[in-house]
Amino acid sequence: KKAVEERDAAYIQDLTRQQREAGADYIDVNCATVLNDELGS
């Protein structure tokens, strides 16, 4: 939530790469708790 709200692209991209390289076919993405900006987030 902190990374999304602060738009920390490096953090999200690094976590994506780590999951993908570890074997993930899809990366689940849920921003539903950003109540005032779910779509933008």
ModelCIF file with pLDDT and N, C-alpha, C, O atoms, coordinates in Angstrom:
data_MODEL
#
_entry.id   MODEL 
#
_entity.id                         1 
_entity.type                       polymer 
_entity.pdbx_number_of_molecules   1 
#
_entity_poly.entity_id                      1 
_entity_poly.type                           'polypeptide(L)' 
_entity_poly.nstd_linkage                   no 
_entity_poly.nstd_monomer                   no 
_entity_poly.pdbx_seq_one_letter_code       KKAVEERDAAYIQDLTRQQREAGADYIDVNCATVLNDELGS 
_entity_poly.pdbx_seq_one_letter_code_can   KKAVEERDAAYIQDLTRQQREAGADYIDVNCATVLNDELGS 
_entity_poly.pdbx_strand_id                 A 
#
loop_
_entity_poly_seq.entity_id 
_entity_poly_seq.num 
_entity_poly_seq.mon_id 
_entity_poly_seq.hetero 
1 1  LYS n 
1 2  LYS n 
1 3  ALA n 
1 4  VAL n 
1 5  GLU n 
1 6  GLU n 
1 7  ARG n 
1 8  ASP n 
1 9  ALA n 
1 10 ALA n 
1 11 TYR n 
1 12 ILE n 
1 13 GLN n 
1 14 ASP n 
1 15 LEU n 
1 16 THR n 
1 17 ARG n 
1 18 GLN n 
1 19 GLN n 
1 20 ARG n 
1 21 GLU n 
1 22 ALA n 
1 23 GLY n 
1 24 ALA n 
1 25 ASP n 
1 26 TYR n 
1 27 ILE n 
1 28 ASP n 
1 29 VAL n 
1 30 ASN n 
1 31 CYS n 
1 32 ALA n 
1 33 THR n 
1 34 VAL n 
1 35 LEU n 
1 36 ASN n 
1 37 ASP n 
1 38 GLU n 
1 39 LEU n 
1 40 GLY n 
1 41 SER n 
#
_struct_asym.id          A 
_struct_asym.entity_id   1 
#
loop_
_ma_qa_metric.id 
_ma_qa_metric.mode 
_ma_qa_metric.name 
_ma_qa_metric.software_group_id 
_ma_qa_metric.type 
1 global pLDDT . pLDDT 
2 local  pLDDT . pLDDT 
#
_ma_qa_metric_global.metric_id      1 
_ma_qa_metric_global.metric_value   97.17 
_ma_qa_metric_global.model_id       1 
_ma_qa_metric_global.ordinal_id     1 
#
loop_
_ma_qa_metric_local.label_asym_id 
_ma_qa_metric_local.label_comp_id 
_ma_qa_metric_local.label_seq_id 
_ma_qa_metric_local.metric_id 
_ma_qa_metric_local.metric_value 
_ma_qa_metric_local.model_id 
_ma_qa_metric_local.ordinal_id 
A LYS 1  2 97.00 1 1  
A LYS 2  2 97.00 1 2  
A ALA 3  2 98.00 1 3  
A VAL 4  2 98.00 1 4  
A GLU 5  2 96.00 1 5  
A GLU 6  2 97.00 1 6  
A ARG 7  2 98.00 1 7  
A ASP 8  2 98.00 1 8  
A ALA 9  2 98.00 1 9  
A ALA 10 2 98.00 1 10 
A TYR 11 2 98.00 1 11 
A ILE 12 2 98.00 1 12 
A GLN 13 2 98.00 1 13 
A ASP 14 2 98.00 1 14 
A LEU 15 2 98.00 1 15 
A THR 16 2 98.00 1 16 
A ARG 17 2 98.00 1 17 
A GLN 18 2 98.00 1 18 
A GLN 19 2 98.00 1 19 
A ARG 20 2 98.00 1 20 
A GLU 21 2 97.00 1 21 
A ALA 22 2 96.00 1 22 
A GLY 23 2 96.00 1 23 
A ALA 24 2 98.00 1 24 
A ASP 25 2 98.00 1 25 
A TYR 26 2 98.00 1 26 
A ILE 27 2 98.00 1 27 
A ASP 28 2 98.00 1 28 
A VAL 29 2 98.00 1 29 
A ASN 30 2 98.00 1 30 
A CYS 31 2 98.00 1 31 
A ALA 32 2 96.00 1 32 
A THR 33 2 96.00 1 33 
A VAL 34 2 95.00 1 34 
A LEU 35 2 89.00 1 35 
A ASN 36 2 93.00 1 36 
A ASP 37 2 96.00 1 37 
A GLU 38 2 97.00 1 38 
A LEU 39 2 98.00 1 39 
A GLY 40 2 98.00 1 40 
A SER 41 2 98.00 1 41 
#
loop_
_atom_site.group_PDB 
_atom_site.id 
_atom_site.type_symbol 
_atom_site.label_atom_id 
_atom_site.label_alt_id 
_atom_site.label_comp_id 
_atom_site.label_asym_id 
_atom_site.label_entity_id 
_atom_site.label_seq_id 
_atom_site.pdbx_PDB_ins_code 
_atom_site.Cartn_x 
_atom_site.Cartn_y 
_atom_site.Cartn_z 
_atom_site.occupancy 
_atom_site.B_iso_or_equiv 
_atom_site.pdbx_formal_charge 
_atom_site.auth_seq_id 
_atom_site.auth_comp_id 
_atom_site.auth_asym_id 
_atom_site.auth_atom_id 
_atom_site.pdbx_PDB_model_num 
ATOM 1   N N  . LYS A 1 1  ? 0.831   -1.207  0.000   1.00 97.00 ? 1  LYS A N  1 
ATOM 2   C CA . LYS A 1 1  ? 0.000   0.000   0.000   1.00 97.00 ? 1  LYS A CA 1 
ATOM 3   C C  . LYS A 1 1  ? 0.863   1.253   0.000   1.00 97.00 ? 1  LYS A C  1 
ATOM 4   O O  . LYS A 1 1  ? 0.567   2.219   -0.702  1.00 97.00 ? 1  LYS A O  1 
ATOM 5   N N  . LYS A 1 2  ? 1.926   1.232   0.787   1.00 97.00 ? 2  LYS A N  1 
ATOM 6   C CA . LYS A 1 2  ? 2.844   2.375   0.835   1.00 97.00 ? 2  LYS A CA 1 
ATOM 7   C C  . LYS A 1 2  ? 3.497   2.588   -0.523  1.00 97.00 ? 2  LYS A C  1 
ATOM 8   O O  . LYS A 1 2  ? 3.589   3.720   -0.997  1.00 97.00 ? 2  LYS A O  1 
ATOM 9   N N  . ALA A 1 3  ? 3.951   1.507   -1.151  1.00 98.00 ? 3  ALA A N  1 
ATOM 10  C CA . ALA A 1 3  ? 4.611   1.622   -2.453  1.00 98.00 ? 3  ALA A CA 1 
ATOM 11  C C  . ALA A 1 3  ? 3.655   2.154   -3.517  1.00 98.00 ? 3  ALA A C  1 
ATOM 12  O O  . ALA A 1 3  ? 4.043   2.969   -4.354  1.00 98.00 ? 3  ALA A O  1 
ATOM 13  N N  . VAL A 1 4  ? 2.413   1.693   -3.485  1.00 98.00 ? 4  VAL A N  1 
ATOM 14  C CA . VAL A 1 4  ? 1.430   2.151   -4.478  1.00 98.00 ? 4  VAL A CA 1 
ATOM 15  C C  . VAL A 1 4  ? 1.069   3.609   -4.242  1.00 98.00 ? 4  VAL A C  1 
ATOM 16  O O  . VAL A 1 4  ? 1.019   4.395   -5.188  1.00 98.00 ? 4  VAL A O  1 
ATOM 17  N N  . GLU A 1 5  ? 0.819   3.975   -3.001  1.00 96.00 ? 5  GLU A N  1 
ATOM 18  C CA . GLU A 1 5  ? 0.431   5.357   -2.703  1.00 96.00 ? 5  GLU A CA 1 
ATOM 19  C C  . GLU A 1 5  ? 1.561   6.339   -2.998  1.00 96.00 ? 5  GLU A C  1 
ATOM 20  O O  . GLU A 1 5  ? 1.310   7.473   -3.405  1.00 96.00 ? 5  GLU A O  1 
ATOM 21  N N  . GLU A 1 6  ? 2.806   5.903   -2.793  1.00 97.00 ? 6  GLU A N  1 
ATOM 22  C CA . GLU A 1 6  ? 3.959   6.772   -3.043  1.00 97.00 ? 6  GLU A CA 1 
ATOM 23  C C  . GLU A 1 6  ? 4.488   6.613   -4.463  1.00 97.00 ? 6  GLU A C  1 
ATOM 24  O O  . GLU A 1 6  ? 5.473   7.250   -4.839  1.00 97.00 ? 6  GLU A O  1 
ATOM 25  N N  . ARG A 1 7  ? 3.828   5.756   -5.254  1.00 98.00 ? 7  ARG A N  1 
ATOM 26  C CA . ARG A 1 7  ? 4.214   5.501   -6.643  1.00 98.00 ? 7  ARG A CA 1 
ATOM 27  C C  . ARG A 1 7  ? 5.691   5.103   -6.746  1.00 98.00 ? 7  ARG A C  1 
ATOM 28  O O  . ARG A 1 7  ? 6.457   5.660   -7.532  1.00 98.00 ? 7  ARG A O  1 
ATOM 29  N N  . ASP A 1 8  ? 6.058   4.118   -5.924  1.00 98.00 ? 8  ASP A N  1 
ATOM 30  C CA . ASP A 1 8  ? 7.415   3.591   -5.908  1.00 98.00 ? 8  ASP A CA 1 
ATOM 31  C C  . ASP A 1 8  ? 7.529   2.499   -6.975  1.00 98.00 ? 8  ASP A C  1 
ATOM 32  O O  . ASP A 1 8  ? 7.372   1.312   -6.689  1.00 98.00 ? 8  ASP A O  1 
ATOM 33  N N  . ALA A 1 9  ? 7.800   2.919   -8.192  1.00 98.00 ? 9  ALA A N  1 
ATOM 34  C CA . ALA A 1 9  ? 7.825   2.000   -9.322  1.00 98.00 ? 9  ALA A CA 1 
ATOM 35  C C  . ALA A 1 9  ? 8.922   0.947   -9.174  1.00 98.00 ? 9  ALA A C  1 
ATOM 36  O O  . ALA A 1 9  ? 8.717   -0.211  -9.537  1.00 98.00 ? 9  ALA A O  1 
ATOM 37  N N  . ALA A 1 10 ? 10.070  1.331   -8.653  1.00 98.00 ? 10 ALA A N  1 
ATOM 38  C CA . ALA A 1 10 ? 11.181  0.388   -8.524  1.00 98.00 ? 10 ALA A CA 1 
ATOM 39  C C  . ALA A 1 10 ? 10.802  -0.780  -7.620  1.00 98.00 ? 10 ALA A C  1 
ATOM 40  O O  . ALA A 1 10 ? 11.158  -1.924  -7.901  1.00 98.00 ? 10 ALA A O  1 
ATOM 41  N N  . TYR A 1 11 ? 10.084  -0.499  -6.542  1.00 98.00 ? 11 TYR A N  1 
ATOM 42  C CA . TYR A 1 11 ? 9.689   -1.543  -5.602  1.00 98.00 ? 11 TYR A CA 1 
ATOM 43  C C  . TYR A 1 11 ? 8.737   -2.538  -6.265  1.00 98.00 ? 11 TYR A C  1 
ATOM 44  O O  . TYR A 1 11 ? 8.931   -3.749  -6.159  1.00 98.00 ? 11 TYR A O  1 
ATOM 45  N N  . ILE A 1 12 ? 7.713   -2.031  -6.944  1.00 98.00 ? 12 ILE A N  1 
ATOM 46  C CA . ILE A 1 12 ? 6.717   -2.894  -7.580  1.00 98.00 ? 12 ILE A CA 1 
ATOM 47  C C  . ILE A 1 12 ? 7.340   -3.692  -8.718  1.00 98.00 ? 12 ILE A C  1 
ATOM 48  O O  . ILE A 1 12 ? 7.050   -4.877  -8.881  1.00 98.00 ? 12 ILE A O  1 
ATOM 49  N N  . GLN A 1 13 ? 8.187   -3.052  -9.496  1.00 98.00 ? 13 GLN A N  1 
ATOM 50  C CA . GLN A 1 13 ? 8.820   -3.766  -10.601 1.00 98.00 ? 13 GLN A CA 1 
ATOM 51  C C  . GLN A 1 13 ? 9.768   -4.846  -10.099 1.00 98.00 ? 13 GLN A C  1 
ATOM 52  O O  . GLN A 1 13 ? 9.818   -5.936  -10.668 1.00 98.00 ? 13 GLN A O  1 
ATOM 53  N N  . ASP A 1 14 ? 10.516  -4.560  -9.048  1.00 98.00 ? 14 ASP A N  1 
ATOM 54  C CA . ASP A 1 14 ? 11.428  -5.548  -8.495  1.00 98.00 ? 14 ASP A CA 1 
ATOM 55  C C  . ASP A 1 14 ? 10.664  -6.748  -7.931  1.00 98.00 ? 14 ASP A C  1 
ATOM 56  O O  . ASP A 1 14 ? 11.068  -7.892  -8.138  1.00 98.00 ? 14 ASP A O  1 
ATOM 57  N N  . LEU A 1 15 ? 9.560   -6.490  -7.221  1.00 98.00 ? 15 LEU A N  1 
ATOM 58  C CA . LEU A 1 15 ? 8.768   -7.576  -6.655  1.00 98.00 ? 15 LEU A CA 1 
ATOM 59  C C  . LEU A 1 15 ? 8.114   -8.401  -7.763  1.00 98.00 ? 15 LEU A C  1 
ATOM 60  O O  . LEU A 1 15 ? 7.974   -9.618  -7.639  1.00 98.00 ? 15 LEU A O  1 
ATOM 61  N N  . THR A 1 16 ? 7.721   -7.744  -8.828  1.00 98.00 ? 16 THR A N  1 
ATOM 62  C CA . THR A 1 16 ? 7.186   -8.469  -9.988  1.00 98.00 ? 16 THR A CA 1 
ATOM 63  C C  . THR A 1 16 ? 8.230   -9.396  -10.575 1.00 98.00 ? 16 THR A C  1 
ATOM 64  O O  . THR A 1 16 ? 7.954   -10.571 -10.819 1.00 98.00 ? 16 THR A O  1 
ATOM 65  N N  . ARG A 1 17 ? 9.429   -8.877  -10.805 1.00 98.00 ? 17 ARG A N  1 
ATOM 66  C CA . ARG A 1 17 ? 10.496  -9.695  -11.381 1.00 98.00 ? 17 ARG A CA 1 
ATOM 67  C C  . ARG A 1 17 ? 10.830  -10.890 -10.490 1.00 98.00 ? 17 ARG A C  1 
ATOM 68  O O  . ARG A 1 17 ? 11.013  -12.007 -10.974 1.00 98.00 ? 17 ARG A O  1 
ATOM 69  N N  . GLN A 1 18 ? 10.907  -10.642 -9.191  1.00 98.00 ? 18 GLN A N  1 
ATOM 70  C CA . GLN A 1 18 ? 11.223  -11.729 -8.273  1.00 98.00 ? 18 GLN A CA 1 
ATOM 71  C C  . GLN A 1 18 ? 10.176  -12.844 -8.352  1.00 98.00 ? 18 GLN A C  1 
ATOM 72  O O  . GLN A 1 18 ? 10.521  -14.025 -8.406  1.00 98.00 ? 18 GLN A O  1 
ATOM 73  N N  . GLN A 1 19 ? 8.899   -12.463 -8.358  1.00 98.00 ? 19 GLN A N  1 
ATOM 74  C CA . GLN A 1 19 ? 7.838   -13.478 -8.417  1.00 98.00 ? 19 GLN A CA 1 
ATOM 75  C C  . GLN A 1 19 ? 7.864   -14.218 -9.750  1.00 98.00 ? 19 GLN A C  1 
ATOM 76  O O  . GLN A 1 19 ? 7.708   -15.438 -9.794  1.00 98.00 ? 19 GLN A O  1 
ATOM 77  N N  . ARG A 1 20 ? 8.058   -13.483 -10.820 1.00 98.00 ? 20 ARG A N  1 
ATOM 78  C CA . ARG A 1 20 ? 8.087   -14.102 -12.150 1.00 98.00 ? 20 ARG A CA 1 
ATOM 79  C C  . ARG A 1 20 ? 9.253   -15.084 -12.259 1.00 98.00 ? 20 ARG A C  1 
ATOM 80  O O  . ARG A 1 20 ? 9.083   -16.206 -12.737 1.00 98.00 ? 20 ARG A O  1 
ATOM 81  N N  . GLU A 1 21 ? 10.428  -14.661 -11.816 1.00 97.00 ? 21 GLU A N  1 
ATOM 82  C CA . GLU A 1 21 ? 11.614  -15.512 -11.899 1.00 97.00 ? 21 GLU A CA 1 
ATOM 83  C C  . GLU A 1 21 ? 11.507  -16.731 -10.986 1.00 97.00 ? 21 GLU A C  1 
ATOM 84  O O  . GLU A 1 21 ? 12.141  -17.755 -11.240 1.00 97.00 ? 21 GLU A O  1 
ATOM 85  N N  . ALA A 1 22 ? 10.704  -16.623 -9.920  1.00 96.00 ? 22 ALA A N  1 
ATOM 86  C CA . ALA A 1 22 ? 10.518  -17.751 -9.004  1.00 96.00 ? 22 ALA A CA 1 
ATOM 87  C C  . ALA A 1 22 ? 9.476   -18.745 -9.503  1.00 96.00 ? 22 ALA A C  1 
ATOM 88  O O  . ALA A 1 22 ? 9.303   -19.811 -8.912  1.00 96.00 ? 22 ALA A O  1 
ATOM 89  N N  . GLY A 1 23 ? 8.776   -18.402 -10.594 1.00 96.00 ? 23 GLY A N  1 
ATOM 90  C CA . GLY A 1 23 ? 7.849   -19.363 -11.178 1.00 96.00 ? 23 GLY A CA 1 
ATOM 91  C C  . GLY A 1 23 ? 6.418   -18.904 -11.355 1.00 96.00 ? 23 GLY A C  1 
ATOM 92  O O  . GLY A 1 23 ? 5.577   -19.699 -11.775 1.00 96.00 ? 23 GLY A O  1 
ATOM 93  N N  . ALA A 1 24 ? 6.102   -17.641 -11.050 1.00 98.00 ? 24 ALA A N  1 
ATOM 94  C CA . ALA A 1 24 ? 4.728   -17.158 -11.189 1.00 98.00 ? 24 ALA A CA 1 
ATOM 95  C C  . ALA A 1 24 ? 4.367   -16.945 -12.657 1.00 98.00 ? 24 ALA A C  1 
ATOM 96  O O  . ALA A 1 24 ? 5.108   -16.298 -13.397 1.00 98.00 ? 24 ALA A O  1 
ATOM 97  N N  . ASP A 1 25 ? 3.232   -17.488 -13.069 1.00 98.00 ? 25 ASP A N  1 
ATOM 98  C CA . ASP A 1 25 ? 2.710   -17.266 -14.423 1.00 98.00 ? 25 ASP A CA 1 
ATOM 99  C C  . ASP A 1 25 ? 1.933   -15.966 -14.504 1.00 98.00 ? 25 ASP A C  1 
ATOM 100 O O  . ASP A 1 25 ? 1.974   -15.271 -15.520 1.00 98.00 ? 25 ASP A O  1 
ATOM 101 N N  . TYR A 1 26 ? 1.226   -15.641 -13.436 1.00 98.00 ? 26 TYR A N  1 
ATOM 102 C CA . TYR A 1 26 ? 0.482   -14.391 -13.313 1.00 98.00 ? 26 TYR A CA 1 
ATOM 103 C C  . TYR A 1 26 ? 0.922   -13.677 -12.037 1.00 98.00 ? 26 TYR A C  1 
ATOM 104 O O  . TYR A 1 26 ? 1.377   -14.305 -11.081 1.00 98.00 ? 26 TYR A O  1 
ATOM 105 N N  . ILE A 1 27 ? 0.777   -12.360 -12.043 1.00 98.00 ? 27 ILE A N  1 
ATOM 106 C CA . ILE A 1 27 ? 1.026   -11.553 -10.859 1.00 98.00 ? 27 ILE A CA 1 
ATOM 107 C C  . ILE A 1 27 ? -0.305  -10.972 -10.406 1.00 98.00 ? 27 ILE A C  1 
ATOM 108 O O  . ILE A 1 27 ? -0.848  -10.074 -11.050 1.00 98.00 ? 27 ILE A O  1 
ATOM 109 N N  . ASP A 1 28 ? -0.828  -11.482 -9.303  1.00 98.00 ? 28 ASP A N  1 
ATOM 110 C CA . ASP A 1 28 ? -2.081  -10.953 -8.774  1.00 98.00 ? 28 ASP A CA 1 
ATOM 111 C C  . ASP A 1 28 ? -1.885  -9.492  -8.395  1.00 98.00 ? 28 ASP A C  1 
ATOM 112 O O  . ASP A 1 28 ? -0.880  -9.135  -7.781  1.00 98.00 ? 28 ASP A O  1 
ATOM 113 N N  . VAL A 1 29 ? -2.845  -8.647  -8.760  1.00 98.00 ? 29 VAL A N  1 
ATOM 114 C CA . VAL A 1 29 ? -2.750  -7.229  -8.408  1.00 98.00 ? 29 VAL A CA 1 
ATOM 115 C C  . VAL A 1 29 ? -4.096  -6.781  -7.843  1.00 98.00 ? 29 VAL A C  1 
ATOM 116 O O  . VAL A 1 29 ? -5.130  -6.851  -8.507  1.00 98.00 ? 29 VAL A O  1 
ATOM 117 N N  . ASN A 1 30 ? -4.043  -6.320  -6.597  1.00 98.00 ? 30 ASN A N  1 
ATOM 118 C CA . ASN A 1 30 ? -5.250  -5.899  -5.875  1.00 98.00 ? 30 ASN A CA 1 
ATOM 119 C C  . ASN A 1 30 ? -4.979  -4.560  -5.225  1.00 98.00 ? 30 ASN A C  1 
ATOM 120 O O  . ASN A 1 30 ? -4.113  -4.441  -4.359  1.00 98.00 ? 30 ASN A O  1 
ATOM 121 N N  . CYS A 1 31 ? -5.727  -3.549  -5.647  1.00 98.00 ? 31 CYS A N  1 
ATOM 122 C CA . CYS A 1 31 ? -5.593  -2.196  -5.089  1.00 98.00 ? 31 CYS A CA 1 
ATOM 123 C C  . CYS A 1 31 ? -6.893  -1.753  -4.419  1.00 98.00 ? 31 CYS A C  1 
ATOM 124 O O  . CYS A 1 31 ? -7.149  -0.557  -4.277  1.00 98.00 ? 31 CYS A O  1 
ATOM 125 N N  . ALA A 1 32 ? -7.705  -2.719  -4.009  1.00 96.00 ? 32 ALA A N  1 
ATOM 126 C CA . ALA A 1 32 ? -9.045  -2.414  -3.506  1.00 96.00 ? 32 ALA A CA 1 
ATOM 127 C C  . ALA A 1 32 ? -9.040  -1.629  -2.209  1.00 96.00 ? 32 ALA A C  1 
ATOM 128 O O  . ALA A 1 32 ? -10.021 -0.951  -1.903  1.00 96.00 ? 32 ALA A O  1 
ATOM 129 N N  . THR A 1 33 ? -7.957  -1.700  -1.434  1.00 96.00 ? 33 THR A N  1 
ATOM 130 C CA . THR A 1 33 ? -7.941  -0.965  -0.157  1.00 96.00 ? 33 THR A CA 1 
ATOM 131 C C  . THR A 1 33 ? -7.543  0.501   -0.329  1.00 96.00 ? 33 THR A C  1 
ATOM 132 O O  . THR A 1 33 ? -7.573  1.268   0.634   1.00 96.00 ? 33 THR A O  1 
ATOM 133 N N  . VAL A 1 34 ? -7.172  0.892   -1.540  1.00 95.00 ? 34 VAL A N  1 
ATOM 134 C CA . VAL A 1 34 ? -6.936  2.318   -1.808  1.00 95.00 ? 34 VAL A CA 1 
ATOM 135 C C  . VAL A 1 34 ? -8.294  2.911   -2.172  1.00 95.00 ? 34 VAL A C  1 
ATOM 136 O O  . VAL A 1 34 ? -8.597  3.140   -3.343  1.00 95.00 ? 34 VAL A O  1 
ATOM 137 N N  . LEU A 1 35 ? -9.098  3.152   -1.151  1.00 89.00 ? 35 LEU A N  1 
ATOM 138 C CA . LEU A 1 35 ? -10.518 3.430   -1.360  1.00 89.00 ? 35 LEU A CA 1 
ATOM 139 C C  . LEU A 1 35 ? -10.775 4.685   -2.176  1.00 89.00 ? 35 LEU A C  1 
ATOM 140 O O  . LEU A 1 35 ? -11.752 4.746   -2.923  1.00 89.00 ? 35 LEU A O  1 
ATOM 141 N N  . ASN A 1 36 ? -9.913  5.688   -2.044  1.00 93.00 ? 36 ASN A N  1 
ATOM 142 C CA . ASN A 1 36 ? -10.170 6.949   -2.748  1.00 93.00 ? 36 ASN A CA 1 
ATOM 143 C C  . ASN A 1 36 ? -9.593  6.974   -4.161  1.00 93.00 ? 36 ASN A C  1 
ATOM 144 O O  . ASN A 1 36 ? -9.802  7.941   -4.894  1.00 93.00 ? 36 ASN A O  1 
ATOM 145 N N  . ASP A 1 37 ? -8.860  5.908   -4.559  1.00 96.00 ? 37 ASP A N  1 
ATOM 146 C CA . ASP A 1 37 ? -8.245  5.925   -5.884  1.00 96.00 ? 37 ASP A CA 1 
ATOM 147 C C  . ASP A 1 37 ? -7.910  4.514   -6.367  1.00 96.00 ? 37 ASP A C  1 
ATOM 148 O O  . ASP A 1 37 ? -6.788  4.262   -6.805  1.00 96.00 ? 37 ASP A O  1 
ATOM 149 N N  . GLU A 1 38 ? -8.873  3.593   -6.292  1.00 97.00 ? 38 GLU A N  1 
ATOM 150 C CA . GLU A 1 38 ? -8.568  2.244   -6.730  1.00 97.00 ? 38 GLU A CA 1 
ATOM 151 C C  . GLU A 1 38 ? -8.218  2.202   -8.207  1.00 97.00 ? 38 GLU A C  1 
ATOM 152 O O  . GLU A 1 38 ? -7.262  1.527   -8.589  1.00 97.00 ? 38 GLU A O  1 
ATOM 153 N N  . LEU A 1 39 ? -8.960  2.898   -9.039  1.00 98.00 ? 39 LEU A N  1 
ATOM 154 C CA . LEU A 1 39 ? -8.729  2.822   -10.476 1.00 98.00 ? 39 LEU A CA 1 
ATOM 155 C C  . LEU A 1 39 ? -7.375  3.405   -10.865 1.00 98.00 ? 39 LEU A C  1 
ATOM 156 O O  . LEU A 1 39 ? -6.639  2.806   -11.649 1.00 98.00 ? 39 LEU A O  1 
ATOM 157 N N  . GLY A 1 40 ? -7.045  4.579   -10.314 1.00 98.00 ? 40 GLY A N  1 
ATOM 158 C CA . GLY A 1 40 ? -5.757  5.183   -10.633 1.00 98.00 ? 40 GLY A CA 1 
ATOM 159 C C  . GLY A 1 40 ? -4.604  4.336   -10.140 1.00 98.00 ? 40 GLY A C  1 
ATOM 160 O O  . GLY A 1 40 ? -3.594  4.192   -10.829 1.00 98.00 ? 40 GLY A O  1 
ATOM 161 N N  . SER A 1 41 ? -4.750  3.773   -8.948  1.00 98.00 ? 41 SER A N  1 
ATOM 162 C CA . SER A 1 41 ? -3.696  2.936   -8.376  1.00 98.00 ? 41 SER A CA 1 
ATOM 163 C C  . SER A 1 41 ? -3.545  1.644   -9.164  1.00 98.00 ? 41 SER A C  1 
ATOM 164 O O  . SER A 1 41 ? -2.703  0.811   -8.829  1.00 98.00 ? 41 SER A O  1 
#
